[in-house]
Amino acid sequence: MTSSRDISRLLDIMAALRTPGSGCPWDLEQNFATIAPYTIEEAYEVVDAIARGDLDDLRDELGDLLLQVVFHARMAEEQNAFNFGDVVDAISRKMIRRHPHVFADKDGRLTPSDVKGAWERIKAEEKAERAARRPSDETSHKSLLSDVKAGQPALALAMELQRKASSVGFDWNDPRAVLRKIREEADEIEVALDRGVASELAEETGDLLFALVNLARHTDVDPELALRGTNAKFERRFGYIERALSAQGRSLESASLSEMDALWDEAKGEE
């Protein structure tokens, strides 16, 4: 199989992978829901490559992300819903529509603020058009939270839901009140552990995470960046444990938990 810079080659590869009888068993088993987590993961890999300034890796990760688009489009085509060409056409028309100052005859130049205002206005028009295409339900209630995009990462979604609710006064007045809520949620996790019900444990863990995001919001902390920082700190300190044990001619498996804890404290002290 020869490589190609033509997108049609990638589309043919995906079609082959999804062909019953001769395709890949794993690819054939997938659906939109099972592939969605991989789509999110690949988007994060792109962000990570950008943060590291690794353009070679960015090229590869963008390819992985493109594959996700091709995968979803192929599954939709199999259901006679739309195909990859429809995806390209839709975003092309959208970008042209949102940039009339570039693609349409217009006198004068727009300022950046003008462009942003036009972008928001056109997006609102597109949203109204999409809503008009959906089946109407006169009894349905328009929620304050309806405008929050559900497809964003859970931490960002929690932050936006809380901000929306806060705009009408549904919020804590003191970060310490949120801290008390965190302690309450931690106690409920302990009860769930004692009960041994997995569904309850998952629910209570989610409640605790939601409360932690609330604390981050009240203290002007970006929870995503904060967690990334803690992840990096964990990697540094765990790496210290690995290097220290290696210097002793030992493996991680040969060390006790108390020994690793002591090395962890050493790493923490050096920082």
Protein backbone atom coordinates (compact mmCIF):
# COMPACT_ATOMS: atom_id res chain seq x y z
CA MET A 1 0.00 0.00 0.00
CA THR A 2 1.50 3.32 -1.07
CA SER A 3 1.08 6.52 0.89
CA SER A 4 -0.82 9.47 -0.52
CA ARG A 5 -1.42 13.14 0.27
CA ASP A 6 -4.93 12.79 -1.15
CA ILE A 7 -7.73 12.65 1.43
CA SER A 8 -9.51 10.11 -0.76
CA ARG A 9 -6.83 7.56 0.13
CA LEU A 10 -7.65 7.90 3.83
CA LEU A 11 -11.36 7.61 3.06
CA ASP A 12 -10.68 4.40 1.10
CA ILE A 13 -8.66 2.98 4.00
CA MET A 14 -11.48 3.66 6.45
CA ALA A 15 -14.02 2.15 4.05
CA ALA A 16 -11.87 -0.99 3.85
CA LEU A 17 -11.58 -1.19 7.62
CA ARG A 18 -15.38 -0.97 7.94
CA THR A 19 -16.20 -3.49 5.20
CA PRO A 20 -18.00 -6.51 6.72
CA GLY A 21 -16.22 -9.78 6.14
CA SER A 22 -12.87 -8.35 5.06
CA GLY A 23 -12.47 -5.36 7.37
CA CYS A 24 -10.97 -5.03 10.84
CA PRO A 25 -13.07 -6.74 13.54
CA TRP A 26 -12.37 -3.96 16.05
CA ASP A 27 -13.26 -1.14 13.66
CA LEU A 28 -16.44 -2.93 12.62
CA GLU A 29 -17.60 -3.18 16.24
CA GLN A 30 -17.37 0.57 16.85
CA ASN A 31 -20.17 3.14 16.82
CA PHE A 32 -20.40 6.88 17.47
CA ALA A 33 -20.58 6.42 21.24
CA THR A 34 -17.59 4.08 21.50
CA ILE A 35 -15.41 6.24 19.26
CA ALA A 36 -16.30 9.54 20.97
CA PRO A 37 -13.81 9.08 23.88
CA TYR A 38 -11.00 8.52 21.37
CA THR A 39 -12.00 11.71 19.56
CA ILE A 40 -11.67 13.69 22.79
CA GLU A 41 -8.36 11.98 23.61
CA GLU A 42 -6.89 12.84 20.21
CA ALA A 43 -7.92 16.48 20.59
CA TYR A 44 -6.04 16.60 23.89
CA GLU A 45 -3.00 15.00 22.22
CA VAL A 46 -3.02 17.86 19.71
CA VAL A 47 -3.10 20.39 22.56
CA ASP A 48 -0.25 18.59 24.32
CA ALA A 49 1.94 18.62 21.20
CA ILE A 50 1.32 22.36 20.84
CA ALA A 51 2.17 22.97 24.51
CA ARG A 52 5.45 21.06 24.06
CA GLY A 53 6.28 22.92 20.86
CA ASP A 54 6.82 19.60 19.05
CA LEU A 55 5.73 20.27 15.47
CA ASP A 56 6.63 16.79 14.25
CA ASP A 57 4.38 15.32 16.92
CA LEU A 58 1.73 17.93 16.12
CA ARG A 59 1.68 16.72 12.50
CA ASP A 60 1.11 13.14 13.64
CA GLU A 61 -1.51 14.08 16.22
CA LEU A 62 -3.43 16.18 13.71
CA GLY A 63 -3.49 13.10 11.49
CA ASP A 64 -4.91 11.05 14.37
CA LEU A 65 -7.57 13.71 14.94
CA LEU A 66 -8.41 13.78 11.23
CA LEU A 67 -8.87 10.01 11.36
CA GLN A 68 -11.54 10.52 14.01
CA VAL A 69 -13.47 12.82 11.65
CA VAL A 70 -13.13 10.29 8.85
CA PHE A 71 -14.28 7.47 11.16
CA HIS A 72 -17.42 9.33 12.27
CA ALA A 73 -18.20 10.39 8.71
CA ARG A 74 -17.87 6.80 7.48
CA MET A 75 -20.27 5.49 10.12
CA ALA A 76 -22.76 8.23 9.20
CA GLU A 77 -22.42 7.35 5.52
CA GLU A 78 -23.23 3.72 6.31
CA GLN A 79 -26.48 4.97 7.84
CA ASN A 80 -27.20 7.17 4.79
CA ALA A 81 -27.07 10.24 7.04
CA PHE A 82 -24.13 12.18 5.53
CA ASN A 83 -20.59 11.56 4.28
CA PHE A 84 -17.16 13.17 4.56
CA GLY A 85 -17.86 15.44 1.60
CA ASP A 86 -20.94 16.76 3.38
CA VAL A 87 -18.82 17.55 6.44
CA VAL A 88 -16.31 19.48 4.34
CA ASP A 89 -19.10 21.31 2.50
CA ALA A 90 -20.85 22.28 5.73
CA ILE A 91 -17.76 23.77 7.38
CA SER A 92 -16.72 25.49 4.13
CA ARG A 93 -20.09 27.20 3.79
CA LYS A 94 -20.05 28.11 7.48
CA MET A 95 -16.58 29.71 7.31
CA ILE A 96 -17.51 31.71 4.20
CA ARG A 97 -20.74 32.85 5.83
CA ARG A 98 -18.95 33.90 9.03
CA HIS A 99 -16.32 35.91 7.14
CA PRO A 100 -18.28 38.21 4.82
CA HIS A 101 -15.48 40.78 5.20
CA VAL A 102 -13.15 38.33 3.43
CA PHE A 103 -15.28 36.37 0.97
CA ALA A 104 -17.95 38.90 -0.04
CA ASP A 105 -17.77 42.26 -1.75
CA LYS A 106 -17.78 44.85 1.00
CA ASP A 107 -16.67 48.46 1.15
CA GLY A 108 -14.02 49.30 3.71
CA ARG A 109 -12.15 47.21 6.26
CA LEU A 110 -13.60 45.85 9.49
CA THR A 111 -11.82 46.23 12.80
CA PRO A 112 -11.16 43.11 14.92
CA SER A 113 -14.03 44.11 17.20
CA ASP A 114 -16.32 44.48 14.17
CA VAL A 115 -15.30 41.03 12.98
CA LYS A 116 -16.00 39.50 16.40
CA GLY A 117 -19.39 41.17 16.53
CA ALA A 118 -20.30 39.91 13.07
CA TRP A 119 -19.08 36.41 13.97
CA GLU A 120 -21.29 36.28 17.07
CA ARG A 121 -24.30 37.64 15.18
CA ILE A 122 -23.95 35.09 12.38
CA LYS A 123 -23.45 32.26 14.87
CA ALA A 124 -26.69 33.30 16.58
CA GLU A 125 -28.48 33.27 13.23
CA GLU A 126 -27.15 29.79 12.46
CA LYS A 127 -28.23 28.55 15.88
CA ALA A 128 -31.74 29.90 15.31
CA GLU A 129 -31.87 28.18 11.93
CA ARG A 130 -30.83 24.85 13.45
CA ALA A 131 -33.46 25.23 16.16
CA ALA A 132 -36.10 25.95 13.51
CA ARG A 133 -35.19 22.72 11.69
CA ARG A 134 -35.76 20.62 14.81
CA PRO A 135 -39.24 19.31 15.65
CA SER A 136 -40.99 21.93 17.76
CA ASP A 137 -42.39 21.14 21.19
CA GLU A 138 -44.58 23.93 22.50
CA THR A 139 -44.62 22.38 25.97
CA SER A 140 -40.83 22.23 26.29
CA HIS A 141 -39.13 24.57 28.75
CA LYS A 142 -36.20 26.75 27.68
CA SER A 143 -33.61 26.25 30.41
CA LEU A 144 -31.05 28.85 31.41
CA LEU A 145 -28.47 26.07 30.93
CA SER A 146 -29.57 25.20 27.38
CA ASP A 147 -26.87 27.37 25.81
CA VAL A 148 -24.02 25.56 27.60
CA LYS A 149 -22.23 23.34 25.10
CA ALA A 150 -22.50 19.75 26.32
CA GLY A 151 -19.65 18.45 24.15
CA GLN A 152 -16.83 20.18 26.03
CA PRO A 153 -14.61 18.41 28.59
CA ALA A 154 -16.32 17.67 31.90
CA LEU A 155 -14.26 20.14 33.94
CA ALA A 156 -15.02 22.99 31.55
CA LEU A 157 -18.68 21.97 31.34
CA ALA A 158 -19.02 21.97 35.13
CA MET A 159 -17.47 25.45 35.25
CA GLU A 160 -19.86 26.82 32.62
CA LEU A 161 -22.94 25.28 34.25
CA GLN A 162 -21.97 26.85 37.57
CA ARG A 163 -21.31 30.24 35.97
CA LYS A 164 -24.72 30.21 34.31
CA ALA A 165 -26.48 29.32 37.55
CA SER A 166 -24.46 31.97 39.37
CA SER A 167 -25.73 34.64 36.97
CA VAL A 168 -29.18 34.39 38.57
CA GLY A 169 -27.89 34.16 42.14
CA PHE A 170 -27.82 30.37 42.52
CA ASP A 171 -24.36 30.21 44.05
CA TRP A 172 -22.35 30.11 47.25
CA ASN A 173 -21.38 33.48 48.70
CA ASP A 174 -18.15 32.32 50.36
CA PRO A 175 -15.42 29.89 49.19
CA ARG A 176 -15.41 28.45 52.70
CA ALA A 177 -19.02 27.40 52.23
CA VAL A 178 -17.89 25.48 49.14
CA LEU A 179 -15.13 23.91 51.22
CA ARG A 180 -17.73 22.70 53.72
CA LYS A 181 -19.67 21.20 50.79
CA ILE A 182 -16.51 19.39 49.69
CA ARG A 183 -16.14 17.86 53.16
CA GLU A 184 -19.80 16.82 53.04
CA GLU A 185 -19.33 15.14 49.67
CA ALA A 186 -16.21 13.35 50.94
CA ASP A 187 -18.24 11.98 53.86
CA GLU A 188 -20.87 10.71 51.42
CA ILE A 189 -18.18 8.89 49.46
CA GLU A 190 -17.15 7.15 52.68
CA VAL A 191 -20.74 6.01 53.17
CA ALA A 192 -20.83 4.76 49.59
CA LEU A 193 -17.61 2.82 50.19
CA ASP A 194 -19.16 1.18 53.25
CA ARG A 195 -22.27 0.25 51.25
CA GLY A 196 -20.18 -1.15 48.41
CA VAL A 197 -22.59 -0.01 45.69
CA ALA A 198 -20.58 0.91 42.59
CA SER A 199 -23.25 3.20 41.10
CA GLU A 200 -23.51 5.19 44.32
CA LEU A 201 -19.74 5.49 44.55
CA ALA A 202 -19.56 6.82 40.98
CA GLU A 203 -22.32 9.35 41.67
CA GLU A 204 -20.77 10.60 44.90
CA THR A 205 -17.34 10.86 43.28
CA GLY A 206 -18.88 13.00 40.55
CA ASP A 207 -20.50 15.20 43.19
CA LEU A 208 -17.12 15.70 44.87
CA LEU A 209 -15.46 16.62 41.58
CA PHE A 210 -18.26 19.09 40.82
CA ALA A 211 -17.78 20.70 44.24
CA LEU A 212 -14.02 20.95 43.67
CA VAL A 213 -14.63 22.74 40.36
CA ASN A 214 -16.92 25.10 42.27
CA LEU A 215 -14.12 25.89 44.71
CA ALA A 216 -11.73 26.49 41.81
CA ARG A 217 -14.23 28.92 40.26
CA HIS A 218 -14.66 30.83 43.51
CA THR A 219 -10.89 31.15 43.95
CA ASP A 220 -10.24 32.12 40.30
CA VAL A 221 -8.35 28.91 39.58
CA ASP A 222 -8.59 27.18 36.20
CA PRO A 223 -9.28 23.55 37.23
CA GLU A 224 -7.87 22.15 33.98
CA LEU A 225 -4.58 24.02 34.37
CA ALA A 226 -4.45 23.23 38.08
CA LEU A 227 -4.86 19.51 37.44
CA ARG A 228 -2.30 19.59 34.64
CA GLY A 229 0.15 21.19 37.06
CA THR A 230 -0.52 18.49 39.65
CA ASN A 231 -0.10 15.78 37.00
CA ALA A 232 3.29 17.21 36.06
CA LYS A 233 4.27 17.39 39.74
CA PHE A 234 3.27 13.75 40.24
CA GLU A 235 5.38 12.72 37.25
CA ARG A 236 8.41 14.60 38.60
CA ARG A 237 8.18 13.10 42.06
CA PHE A 238 7.49 9.58 40.82
CA GLY A 239 10.46 9.95 38.47
CA TYR A 240 12.58 10.83 41.51
CA ILE A 241 11.51 7.56 43.16
CA GLU A 242 12.44 5.59 40.03
CA ARG A 243 15.87 7.23 39.74
CA ALA A 244 16.64 6.82 43.43
CA LEU A 245 15.79 3.12 43.37
CA SER A 246 17.70 2.64 40.12
CA ALA A 247 20.79 4.21 41.75
CA GLN A 248 20.48 1.52 44.42
CA GLY A 249 20.25 -1.18 41.76
CA ARG A 250 16.63 -1.84 42.66
CA SER A 251 13.33 -1.92 40.79
CA LEU A 252 10.02 -0.37 41.73
CA GLU A 253 8.59 -3.83 42.32
CA SER A 254 11.25 -4.57 44.95
CA ALA A 255 10.46 -1.51 47.05
CA SER A 256 7.84 -1.39 49.78
CA LEU A 257 5.16 1.28 49.91
CA SER A 258 6.82 2.85 52.97
CA GLU A 259 10.13 3.08 51.11
CA MET A 260 8.49 4.72 48.13
CA ASP A 261 6.62 7.12 50.44
CA ALA A 262 9.93 8.12 52.05
CA LEU A 263 11.47 8.82 48.64
CA TRP A 264 8.35 10.77 47.69
CA ASP A 265 8.86 12.97 50.75
CA GLU A 266 12.48 13.47 49.72
CA ALA A 267 11.39 14.60 46.26
CA LYS A 268 8.81 16.91 47.81
CA GLY A 269 11.47 18.38 50.12
CA GLU A 270 13.83 19.09 47.24
CA GLU A 271 11.10 21.01 45.42
